[in-house]
Amino acid sequence: AFWRDLVLLLISSKSLPLRLFGWEQLKELTDAAKEHRPPPKAFQVSGAGCTFCNGLYTFAGITTTDGYSQRGVEISYERRIPPSNSSPTNKGADGAGNAAAGNANAGNGAKNLTLFRCTMRSQQKWWFLSEADEEQPGTDRDIDYYQHKSKEHEEMEPPAAGWVTCRNAGIEPSPHLQGRGLMVPKGEEYQTLEHQLAKWAMDNKIVELVLGASLHREIVHRSIPFIEFLARMCDRDAAAIVTNSTTLVATTDAKATATSSKKGPNAYCL
């Protein structure tokens, strides 16, 4: 709260240098809020050529006693497929079977599929969609189907697109991912640092300060990242956050649906 109050004083100043400094501080404040964004409660995977990889993956990382995800540790998501849902053959996008992949990827036993982030020796973050080895999960004994070499802004959670098919087991096309919910206690979905920052901006008419009587091109230039942040908040809430209760229902055919009673108030974005 102190940082936001200080920024408001700076960007409301009559001094141009102070206002410019205030907008630089607001960018740092926005970056800090993004860094502390809770991970999604689940991810819906769809469109993968290995059809059994499609479905709902739920958070499997470490949580605190009050229901938040533990920061500073590798996060992962899991999907358990019972034996009855396993298929001995996988079909690609063209409907052609892949016998080798069928033998390695499917079988008749249960599968423990994982969606996890791995820090490589180069310190780069890679995401993998894999079948975990029962005895040594998270090792070279896992069967990797899809992978994603993350850029810096894609390290916090699995990216929606840009996945690459692993040669030995994966089948084209690569999957698309969509986050569901947030790893926060029930009722705290709109209390993240990003939501607090966005509501502060709406309440204090921050955007109006950019386009007001003291309009200046340097102010406009520095305000672009924050305005983009406010615009993205609309998409994030529309895709993942609803008021009241959100129920993620995994059906027997490995498809997942999200049901909710009412959409939340649009008070956190432009």
C-alpha atoms as a PDB file:
ATOM      1  CA  ALA A   1       0.000   0.000   0.000  1.00  0.00           C
ATOM      2  CA  PHE A   2       2.840   2.412   0.790  1.00  0.00           C
ATOM      3  CA  TRP A   3       4.413   1.860  -2.624  1.00  0.00           C
ATOM      4  CA  ARG A   4       1.094   2.558  -4.359  1.00  0.00           C
ATOM      5  CA  ASP A   5       0.535   5.690  -2.273  1.00  0.00           C
ATOM      6  CA  LEU A   6       4.015   6.945  -3.114  1.00  0.00           C
ATOM      7  CA  VAL A   7       3.485   6.295  -6.828  1.00  0.00           C
ATOM      8  CA  LEU A   8       0.183   8.193  -6.743  1.00  0.00           C
ATOM      9  CA  LEU A   9       1.896  11.203  -5.155  1.00  0.00           C
ATOM     10  CA  LEU A  10       4.654  11.129  -7.766  1.00  0.00           C
ATOM     11  CA  ILE A  11       2.475  10.781 -10.877  1.00  0.00           C
ATOM     12  CA  SER A  12       0.106  13.483  -9.544  1.00  0.00           C
ATOM     13  CA  SER A  13       2.959  15.956  -9.046  1.00  0.00           C
ATOM     14  CA  LYS A  14       3.204  19.178 -11.040  1.00  0.00           C
ATOM     15  CA  SER A  15       6.882  18.433 -11.604  1.00  0.00           C
ATOM     16  CA  LEU A  16       7.509  16.579 -14.871  1.00  0.00           C
ATOM     17  CA  PRO A  17      10.665  14.812 -13.592  1.00  0.00           C
ATOM     18  CA  LEU A  18       8.750  13.538 -10.562  1.00  0.00           C
ATOM     19  CA  ARG A  19       5.864  12.349 -12.717  1.00  0.00           C
ATOM     20  CA  LEU A  20       8.274  10.522 -15.031  1.00  0.00           C
ATOM     21  CA  PHE A  21       9.932   8.882 -12.049  1.00  0.00           C
ATOM     22  CA  GLY A  22       6.506   7.921 -10.713  1.00  0.00           C
ATOM     23  CA  TRP A  23       5.613   6.114 -13.945  1.00  0.00           C
ATOM     24  CA  GLU A  24       8.923   4.264 -13.853  1.00  0.00           C
ATOM     25  CA  GLN A  25       8.084   3.178 -10.307  1.00  0.00           C
ATOM     26  CA  LEU A  26       4.639   2.046 -11.425  1.00  0.00           C
ATOM     27  CA  LYS A  27       6.216  -0.264 -13.991  1.00  0.00           C
ATOM     28  CA  GLU A  28       8.389  -1.814 -11.288  1.00  0.00           C
ATOM     29  CA  LEU A  29       5.327  -2.167  -9.061  1.00  0.00           C
ATOM     30  CA  THR A  30       3.445  -3.903 -11.867  1.00  0.00           C
ATOM     31  CA  ASP A  31       6.347  -6.291 -12.480  1.00  0.00           C
ATOM     32  CA  ALA A  32       6.475  -7.145  -8.768  1.00  0.00           C
ATOM     33  CA  ALA A  33       2.738  -7.887  -8.712  1.00  0.00           C
ATOM     34  CA  LYS A  34       3.101 -10.175 -11.743  1.00  0.00           C
ATOM     35  CA  GLU A  35       6.013 -12.006 -10.122  1.00  0.00           C
ATOM     36  CA  HIS A  36       3.815 -12.817  -7.108  1.00  0.00           C
ATOM     37  CA  ARG A  37       0.864 -14.019  -9.193  1.00  0.00           C
ATOM     38  CA  PRO A  38      -0.459 -17.322  -7.786  1.00  0.00           C
ATOM     39  CA  PRO A  39      -0.301 -20.222 -10.242  1.00  0.00           C
ATOM     40  CA  PRO A  40      -3.540 -21.626 -11.670  1.00  0.00           C
ATOM     41  CA  LYS A  41      -5.324 -24.389  -9.773  1.00  0.00           C
ATOM     42  CA  ALA A  42      -5.467 -26.481 -12.920  1.00  0.00           C
ATOM     43  CA  PHE A  43      -4.682 -26.531 -16.624  1.00  0.00           C
ATOM     44  CA  GLN A  44      -6.900 -27.784 -19.401  1.00  0.00           C
ATOM     45  CA  VAL A  45      -4.818 -29.451 -22.124  1.00  0.00           C
ATOM     46  CA  SER A  46      -6.423 -29.850 -25.548  1.00  0.00           C
ATOM     47  CA  GLY A  47      -5.521 -30.520 -29.177  1.00  0.00           C
ATOM     48  CA  ALA A  48      -2.597 -32.875 -28.520  1.00  0.00           C
ATOM     49  CA  GLY A  49      -1.920 -35.617 -31.076  1.00  0.00           C
ATOM     50  CA  CYS A  50      -1.411 -37.998 -28.149  1.00  0.00           C
ATOM     51  CA  THR A  51      -5.079 -37.829 -27.293  1.00  0.00           C
ATOM     52  CA  PHE A  52      -4.705 -39.312 -23.821  1.00  0.00           C
ATOM     53  CA  CYS A  53      -2.612 -36.248 -22.926  1.00  0.00           C
ATOM     54  CA  ASN A  54      -5.715 -34.079 -23.328  1.00  0.00           C
ATOM     55  CA  GLY A  55      -7.648 -33.363 -20.163  1.00  0.00           C
ATOM     56  CA  LEU A  56      -7.509 -31.575 -16.827  1.00  0.00           C
ATOM     57  CA  TYR A  57      -4.237 -31.375 -14.874  1.00  0.00           C
ATOM     58  CA  THR A  58      -4.559 -30.292 -11.246  1.00  0.00           C
ATOM     59  CA  PHE A  59      -1.980 -28.528  -9.084  1.00  0.00           C
ATOM     60  CA  ALA A  60       0.432 -30.950  -7.429  1.00  0.00           C
ATOM     61  CA  GLY A  61       2.970 -28.537  -5.945  1.00  0.00           C
ATOM     62  CA  ILE A  62       3.613 -27.645  -2.320  1.00  0.00           C
ATOM     63  CA  THR A  63       0.977 -25.515  -0.585  1.00  0.00           C
ATOM     64  CA  THR A  64       1.058 -23.510   2.625  1.00  0.00           C
ATOM     65  CA  THR A  65      -1.220 -24.263   5.571  1.00  0.00           C
ATOM     66  CA  ASP A  66      -3.583 -21.462   4.522  1.00  0.00           C
ATOM     67  CA  GLY A  67      -3.985 -22.724   0.950  1.00  0.00           C
ATOM     68  CA  TYR A  68      -1.486 -20.711  -1.094  1.00  0.00           C
ATOM     69  CA  SER A  69       1.148 -22.257  -3.333  1.00  0.00           C
ATOM     70  CA  GLN A  70       4.640 -22.391  -1.866  1.00  0.00           C
ATOM     71  CA  ARG A  71       6.945 -19.884  -3.539  1.00  0.00           C
ATOM     72  CA  GLY A  72      10.490 -20.680  -4.591  1.00  0.00           C
ATOM     73  CA  VAL A  73       9.927 -24.337  -5.512  1.00  0.00           C
ATOM     74  CA  GLU A  74       9.293 -26.075  -8.823  1.00  0.00           C
ATOM     75  CA  ILE A  75       5.597 -26.365  -9.568  1.00  0.00           C
ATOM     76  CA  SER A  76       3.827 -29.235 -11.276  1.00  0.00           C
ATOM     77  CA  TYR A  77       0.395 -30.482 -12.318  1.00  0.00           C
ATOM     78  CA  GLU A  78      -0.833 -34.054 -12.535  1.00  0.00           C
ATOM     79  CA  ARG A  79      -3.488 -36.078 -14.296  1.00  0.00           C
ATOM     80  CA  ARG A  80      -4.141 -39.676 -13.374  1.00  0.00           C
ATOM     81  CA  ILE A  81      -5.616 -41.922 -16.061  1.00  0.00           C
ATOM     82  CA  PRO A  82      -7.119 -45.188 -14.779  1.00  0.00           C
ATOM     83  CA  PRO A  83      -6.379 -48.402 -16.723  1.00  0.00           C
ATOM     84  CA  SER A  84      -9.837 -48.501 -18.301  1.00  0.00           C
ATOM     85  CA  ASN A  85      -9.182 -45.165 -20.034  1.00  0.00           C
ATOM     86  CA  SER A  86      -5.856 -46.181 -21.566  1.00  0.00           C
ATOM     87  CA  SER A  87      -5.788 -47.009 -25.247  1.00  0.00           C
ATOM     88  CA  PRO A  88      -3.219 -49.278 -26.932  1.00  0.00           C
ATOM     89  CA  THR A  89      -3.041 -47.066 -30.017  1.00  0.00           C
ATOM     90  CA  ASN A  90      -2.661 -43.301 -30.461  1.00  0.00           C
ATOM     91  CA  LYS A  91      -4.030 -41.468 -33.432  1.00  0.00           C
ATOM     92  CA  GLY A  92      -2.393 -38.469 -35.004  1.00  0.00           C
ATOM     93  CA  ALA A  93      -4.261 -35.482 -36.381  1.00  0.00           C
ATOM     94  CA  ASP A  94      -4.686 -37.322 -39.700  1.00  0.00           C
ATOM     95  CA  GLY A  95      -6.186 -40.361 -37.957  1.00  0.00           C
ATOM     96  CA  ALA A  96      -3.195 -42.585 -38.723  1.00  0.00           C
ATOM     97  CA  GLY A  97      -2.075 -44.894 -35.952  1.00  0.00           C
ATOM     98  CA  ASN A  98       1.489 -44.874 -34.678  1.00  0.00           C
ATOM     99  CA  ALA A  99       2.366 -48.400 -33.595  1.00  0.00           C
ATOM    100  CA  ALA A 100       5.673 -47.508 -31.947  1.00  0.00           C
ATOM    101  CA  ALA A 101       4.096 -44.674 -30.004  1.00  0.00           C
ATOM    102  CA  GLY A 102       1.181 -46.935 -29.166  1.00  0.00           C
ATOM    103  CA  ASN A 103       3.483 -49.473 -27.565  1.00  0.00           C
ATOM    104  CA  ALA A 104       5.463 -46.878 -25.640  1.00  0.00           C
ATOM    105  CA  ASN A 105       2.797 -44.324 -24.847  1.00  0.00           C
ATOM    106  CA  ALA A 106      -0.407 -46.096 -24.145  1.00  0.00           C
ATOM    107  CA  GLY A 107      -0.532 -49.705 -23.010  1.00  0.00           C
ATOM    108  CA  ASN A 108      -3.344 -50.944 -20.793  1.00  0.00           C
ATOM    109  CA  GLY A 109      -2.022 -49.791 -17.424  1.00  0.00           C
ATOM    110  CA  ALA A 110      -2.775 -46.640 -15.482  1.00  0.00           C
ATOM    111  CA  LYS A 111      -0.882 -43.483 -16.395  1.00  0.00           C
ATOM    112  CA  ASN A 112       0.390 -40.692 -14.185  1.00  0.00           C
ATOM    113  CA  LEU A 113       0.797 -37.734 -16.531  1.00  0.00           C
ATOM    114  CA  THR A 114       2.669 -34.683 -15.295  1.00  0.00           C
ATOM    115  CA  LEU A 115       2.981 -31.098 -16.430  1.00  0.00           C
ATOM    116  CA  PHE A 116       6.069 -29.713 -14.740  1.00  0.00           C
ATOM    117  CA  ARG A 117       8.828 -27.145 -14.916  1.00  0.00           C
ATOM    118  CA  CYS A 118      12.439 -28.247 -14.868  1.00  0.00           C
ATOM    119  CA  THR A 119      15.506 -26.079 -14.304  1.00  0.00           C
ATOM    120  CA  MET A 120      18.197 -27.277 -16.692  1.00  0.00           C
ATOM    121  CA  ARG A 121      21.951 -27.208 -16.043  1.00  0.00           C
ATOM    122  CA  SER A 122      22.079 -24.001 -18.081  1.00  0.00           C
ATOM    123  CA  GLN A 123      19.576 -22.547 -15.536  1.00  0.00           C
ATOM    124  CA  GLN A 124      16.981 -22.198 -18.279  1.00  0.00           C
ATOM    125  CA  LYS A 125      13.424 -23.224 -17.447  1.00  0.00           C
ATOM    126  CA  TRP A 126      11.813 -25.924 -19.568  1.00  0.00           C
ATOM    127  CA  TRP A 127       8.248 -27.216 -19.311  1.00  0.00           C
ATOM    128  CA  PHE A 128       7.476 -30.874 -19.997  1.00  0.00           C
ATOM    129  CA  LEU A 129       4.281 -32.849 -20.469  1.00  0.00           C
ATOM    130  CA  SER A 130       5.346 -36.370 -19.554  1.00  0.00           C
ATOM    131  CA  GLU A 131       4.379 -39.738 -18.190  1.00  0.00           C
ATOM    132  CA  ALA A 132       6.150 -40.015 -14.859  1.00  0.00           C
ATOM    133  CA  ASP A 133       8.146 -43.124 -14.071  1.00  0.00           C
ATOM    134  CA  GLU A 134       6.531 -44.928 -11.133  1.00  0.00           C
ATOM    135  CA  GLU A 135       9.826 -45.584  -9.335  1.00  0.00           C
ATOM    136  CA  GLN A 136      11.901 -42.527 -10.309  1.00  0.00           C
ATOM    137  CA  PRO A 137       9.598 -39.666 -11.377  1.00  0.00           C
ATOM    138  CA  GLY A 138      11.249 -36.519 -12.685  1.00  0.00           C
ATOM    139  CA  THR A 139      14.225 -38.386 -14.166  1.00  0.00           C
ATOM    140  CA  ASP A 140      15.346 -39.565 -17.599  1.00  0.00           C
ATOM    141  CA  ARG A 141      13.085 -42.566 -17.107  1.00  0.00           C
ATOM    142  CA  ASP A 142      10.014 -40.387 -17.684  1.00  0.00           C
ATOM    143  CA  ILE A 143       8.392 -40.554 -21.134  1.00  0.00           C
ATOM    144  CA  ASP A 144       8.323 -37.017 -22.530  1.00  0.00           C
ATOM    145  CA  TYR A 145       5.549 -36.231 -25.022  1.00  0.00           C
ATOM    146  CA  TYR A 146       5.778 -32.428 -25.366  1.00  0.00           C
ATOM    147  CA  GLN A 147       8.213 -29.748 -24.213  1.00  0.00           C
ATOM    148  CA  HIS A 148       8.535 -25.977 -24.150  1.00  0.00           C
ATOM    149  CA  LYS A 149      11.731 -23.955 -23.788  1.00  0.00           C
ATOM    150  CA  SER A 150      10.497 -20.931 -21.883  1.00  0.00           C
ATOM    151  CA  LYS A 151      11.398 -17.335 -22.356  1.00  0.00           C
ATOM    152  CA  GLU A 152      11.765 -15.205 -19.235  1.00  0.00           C
ATOM    153  CA  HIS A 153       8.104 -14.122 -19.177  1.00  0.00           C
ATOM    154  CA  GLU A 154       6.921 -17.725 -19.622  1.00  0.00           C
ATOM    155  CA  GLU A 155       8.696 -19.247 -16.629  1.00  0.00           C
ATOM    156  CA  MET A 156       6.025 -18.682 -13.972  1.00  0.00           C
ATOM    157  CA  GLU A 157       3.406 -21.038 -15.429  1.00  0.00           C
ATOM    158  CA  PRO A 158       3.001 -23.402 -18.400  1.00  0.00           C
ATOM    159  CA  PRO A 159       2.613 -21.379 -21.627  1.00  0.00           C
ATOM    160  CA  ALA A 160      -0.611 -21.651 -23.606  1.00  0.00           C
ATOM    161  CA  ALA A 161       1.072 -22.295 -26.962  1.00  0.00           C
ATOM    162  CA  GLY A 162       4.461 -22.904 -28.562  1.00  0.00           C
ATOM    163  CA  TRP A 163       4.896 -26.487 -27.366  1.00  0.00           C
ATOM    164  CA  VAL A 164       7.171 -28.830 -29.330  1.00  0.00           C
ATOM    165  CA  THR A 165       6.545 -32.525 -29.911  1.00  0.00           C
ATOM    166  CA  CYS A 166       9.208 -34.825 -28.433  1.00  0.00           C
ATOM    167  CA  ARG A 167      10.625 -37.161 -31.063  1.00  0.00           C
ATOM    168  CA  ASN A 168      10.535 -40.488 -29.280  1.00  0.00           C
ATOM    169  CA  ALA A 169       6.979 -40.422 -27.911  1.00  0.00           C
ATOM    170  CA  GLY A 170       5.020 -37.346 -28.926  1.00  0.00           C
ATOM    171  CA  ILE A 171       2.590 -37.097 -31.831  1.00  0.00           C
ATOM    172  CA  GLU A 172       1.690 -33.950 -33.756  1.00  0.00           C
ATOM    173  CA  PRO A 173      -0.066 -31.623 -33.278  1.00  0.00           C
ATOM    174  CA  SER A 174       1.260 -30.126 -30.060  1.00  0.00           C
ATOM    175  CA  PRO A 175      -1.228 -29.150 -27.335  1.00  0.00           C
ATOM    176  CA  HIS A 176      -2.838 -25.886 -26.280  1.00  0.00           C
ATOM    177  CA  LEU A 177      -3.109 -25.068 -22.558  1.00  0.00           C
ATOM    178  CA  GLN A 178      -5.559 -22.915 -20.620  1.00  0.00           C
ATOM    179  CA  GLY A 179      -5.302 -22.065 -16.927  1.00  0.00           C
ATOM    180  CA  ARG A 180      -8.247 -22.573 -14.581  1.00  0.00           C
ATOM    181  CA  GLY A 181      -8.654 -20.671 -11.332  1.00  0.00           C
ATOM    182  CA  LEU A 182      -5.892 -19.559  -8.944  1.00  0.00           C
ATOM    183  CA  MET A 183      -4.065 -21.325  -6.125  1.00  0.00           C
ATOM    184  CA  VAL A 184      -5.528 -19.173  -3.366  1.00  0.00           C
ATOM    185  CA  PRO A 185      -7.991 -19.911  -0.542  1.00  0.00           C
ATOM    186  CA  LYS A 186     -11.662 -19.804  -1.489  1.00  0.00           C
ATOM    187  CA  GLY A 187     -12.925 -16.226  -1.598  1.00  0.00           C
ATOM    188  CA  GLU A 188      -9.460 -14.715  -2.146  1.00  0.00           C
ATOM    189  CA  GLU A 189      -9.489 -14.889  -5.959  1.00  0.00           C
ATOM    190  CA  TYR A 190      -9.795 -11.114  -6.270  1.00  0.00           C
ATOM    191  CA  GLN A 191      -7.254 -10.278  -3.557  1.00  0.00           C
ATOM    192  CA  THR A 192      -4.030 -11.000  -5.466  1.00  0.00           C
ATOM    193  CA  LEU A 193      -1.491  -8.193  -5.740  1.00  0.00           C
ATOM    194  CA  GLU A 194      -2.440  -7.761  -9.396  1.00  0.00           C
ATOM    195  CA  HIS A 195      -6.107  -7.307  -8.542  1.00  0.00           C
ATOM    196  CA  GLN A 196      -5.278  -4.904  -5.726  1.00  0.00           C
ATOM    197  CA  LEU A 197      -3.108  -2.869  -8.098  1.00  0.00           C
ATOM    198  CA  ALA A 198      -5.739  -2.843 -10.845  1.00  0.00           C
ATOM    199  CA  LYS A 199      -8.507  -1.779  -8.464  1.00  0.00           C
ATOM    200  CA  TRP A 200      -6.257   0.959  -7.059  1.00  0.00           C
ATOM    201  CA  ALA A 201      -5.754   2.233 -10.609  1.00  0.00           C
ATOM    202  CA  MET A 202      -9.491   2.257 -11.289  1.00  0.00           C
ATOM    203  CA  ASP A 203     -10.345   3.946  -7.972  1.00  0.00           C
ATOM    204  CA  ASN A 204      -7.711   6.653  -8.439  1.00  0.00           C
ATOM    205  CA  LYS A 205      -8.368   7.197 -12.173  1.00  0.00           C
ATOM    206  CA  ILE A 206      -4.737   6.558 -13.068  1.00  0.00           C
ATOM    207  CA  VAL A 207      -5.412   6.345 -16.799  1.00  0.00           C
ATOM    208  CA  GLU A 208      -7.113   9.753 -16.683  1.00  0.00           C
ATOM    209  CA  LEU A 209      -3.882  11.210 -15.295  1.00  0.00           C
ATOM    210  CA  VAL A 210      -2.157  10.149 -18.508  1.00  0.00           C
ATOM    211  CA  LEU A 211      -4.673  11.747 -20.825  1.00  0.00           C
ATOM    212  CA  GLY A 212      -5.553  14.779 -18.713  1.00  0.00           C
ATOM    213  CA  ALA A 213      -4.676  18.447 -19.060  1.00  0.00           C
ATOM    214  CA  SER A 214      -1.005  17.752 -18.365  1.00  0.00           C
ATOM    215  CA  LEU A 215      -0.703  15.355 -21.338  1.00  0.00           C
ATOM    216  CA  HIS A 216       2.937  14.736 -22.259  1.00  0.00           C
ATOM    217  CA  ARG A 217       4.344  12.289 -24.771  1.00  0.00           C
ATOM    218  CA  GLU A 218       6.958  10.938 -22.336  1.00  0.00           C
ATOM    219  CA  ILE A 219       4.207  10.233 -19.820  1.00  0.00           C
ATOM    220  CA  VAL A 220       2.164   8.476 -22.499  1.00  0.00           C
ATOM    221  CA  HIS A 221       5.175   6.381 -23.499  1.00  0.00           C
ATOM    222  CA  ARG A 222       5.887   5.298 -19.918  1.00  0.00           C
ATOM    223  CA  SER A 223       2.237   4.502 -19.257  1.00  0.00           C
ATOM    224  CA  ILE A 224       1.909   1.932 -22.078  1.00  0.00           C
ATOM    225  CA  PRO A 225       3.054  -1.141 -20.032  1.00  0.00           C
ATOM    226  CA  PHE A 226       0.589  -0.344 -17.258  1.00  0.00           C
ATOM    227  CA  ILE A 227      -2.319   0.243 -19.621  1.00  0.00           C
ATOM    228  CA  GLU A 228      -1.509  -3.072 -21.319  1.00  0.00           C
ATOM    229  CA  PHE A 229      -1.488  -4.709 -17.884  1.00  0.00           C
ATOM    230  CA  LEU A 230      -4.990  -3.368 -17.153  1.00  0.00           C
ATOM    231  CA  ALA A 231      -6.231  -4.593 -20.522  1.00  0.00           C
ATOM    232  CA  ARG A 232      -4.806  -8.096 -19.901  1.00  0.00           C
ATOM    233  CA  MET A 233      -6.600  -8.282 -16.567  1.00  0.00           C
ATOM    234  CA  CYS A 234      -9.884  -8.443 -18.493  1.00  0.00           C
ATOM    235  CA  ASP A 235      -8.757 -11.528 -20.410  1.00  0.00           C
ATOM    236  CA  ARG A 236      -7.374 -13.229 -17.303  1.00  0.00           C
ATOM    237  CA  ASP A 237     -10.564 -12.794 -15.323  1.00  0.00           C
ATOM    238  CA  ALA A 238     -12.742 -13.826 -18.248  1.00  0.00           C
ATOM    239  CA  ALA A 239     -10.760 -17.035 -18.714  1.00  0.00           C
ATOM    240  CA  ALA A 240     -10.069 -18.162 -15.193  1.00  0.00           C
ATOM    241  CA  ILE A 241     -11.817 -16.335 -12.367  1.00  0.00           C
ATOM    242  CA  VAL A 242     -15.487 -16.256 -11.435  1.00  0.00           C
ATOM    243  CA  THR A 243     -17.343 -15.294  -8.286  1.00  0.00           C
ATOM    244  CA  ASN A 244     -19.149 -17.709  -6.025  1.00  0.00           C
ATOM    245  CA  SER A 245     -18.034 -21.301  -6.663  1.00  0.00           C
ATOM    246  CA  THR A 246     -16.242 -22.597  -9.735  1.00  0.00           C
ATOM    247  CA  THR A 247     -16.408 -26.343 -10.231  1.00  0.00           C
ATOM    248  CA  LEU A 248     -13.990 -28.103 -12.497  1.00  0.00           C
ATOM    249  CA  VAL A 249     -15.648 -31.317 -13.619  1.00  0.00           C
ATOM    250  CA  ALA A 250     -13.567 -34.009 -15.346  1.00  0.00           C
ATOM    251  CA  THR A 251     -15.876 -36.254 -17.355  1.00  0.00           C
ATOM    252  CA  THR A 252     -15.249 -39.893 -18.206  1.00  0.00           C
ATOM    253  CA  ASP A 253     -14.077 -39.110 -21.727  1.00  0.00           C
ATOM    254  CA  ALA A 254     -11.201 -37.018 -20.302  1.00  0.00           C
ATOM    255  CA  LYS A 255     -12.802 -33.724 -21.216  1.00  0.00           C
ATOM    256  CA  ALA A 256     -13.193 -31.009 -18.580  1.00  0.00           C
ATOM    257  CA  THR A 257     -15.768 -28.289 -18.207  1.00  0.00           C
ATOM    258  CA  ALA A 258     -15.930 -25.282 -15.932  1.00  0.00           C
ATOM    259  CA  THR A 259     -19.288 -24.389 -14.465  1.00  0.00           C
ATOM    260  CA  SER A 260     -20.069 -21.272 -12.494  1.00  0.00           C
ATOM    261  CA  SER A 261     -23.085 -19.428 -11.257  1.00  0.00           C
ATOM    262  CA  LYS A 262     -22.083 -15.871 -12.070  1.00  0.00           C
ATOM    263  CA  LYS A 263     -19.240 -13.895 -13.659  1.00  0.00           C
ATOM    264  CA  GLY A 264     -17.343 -11.565 -11.363  1.00  0.00           C
ATOM    265  CA  PRO A 265     -17.567  -7.765 -11.439  1.00  0.00           C
ATOM    266  CA  ASN A 266     -15.438  -6.150 -14.112  1.00  0.00           C
ATOM    267  CA  ALA A 267     -13.730  -3.748 -11.717  1.00  0.00           C
ATOM    268  CA  TYR A 268     -10.133  -4.745 -12.347  1.00  0.00           C
ATOM    269  CA  CYS A 269      -9.486  -3.844 -15.960  1.00  0.00           C
ATOM    270  CA  LEU A 270     -10.095  -1.253 -18.658  1.00  0.00           C
END
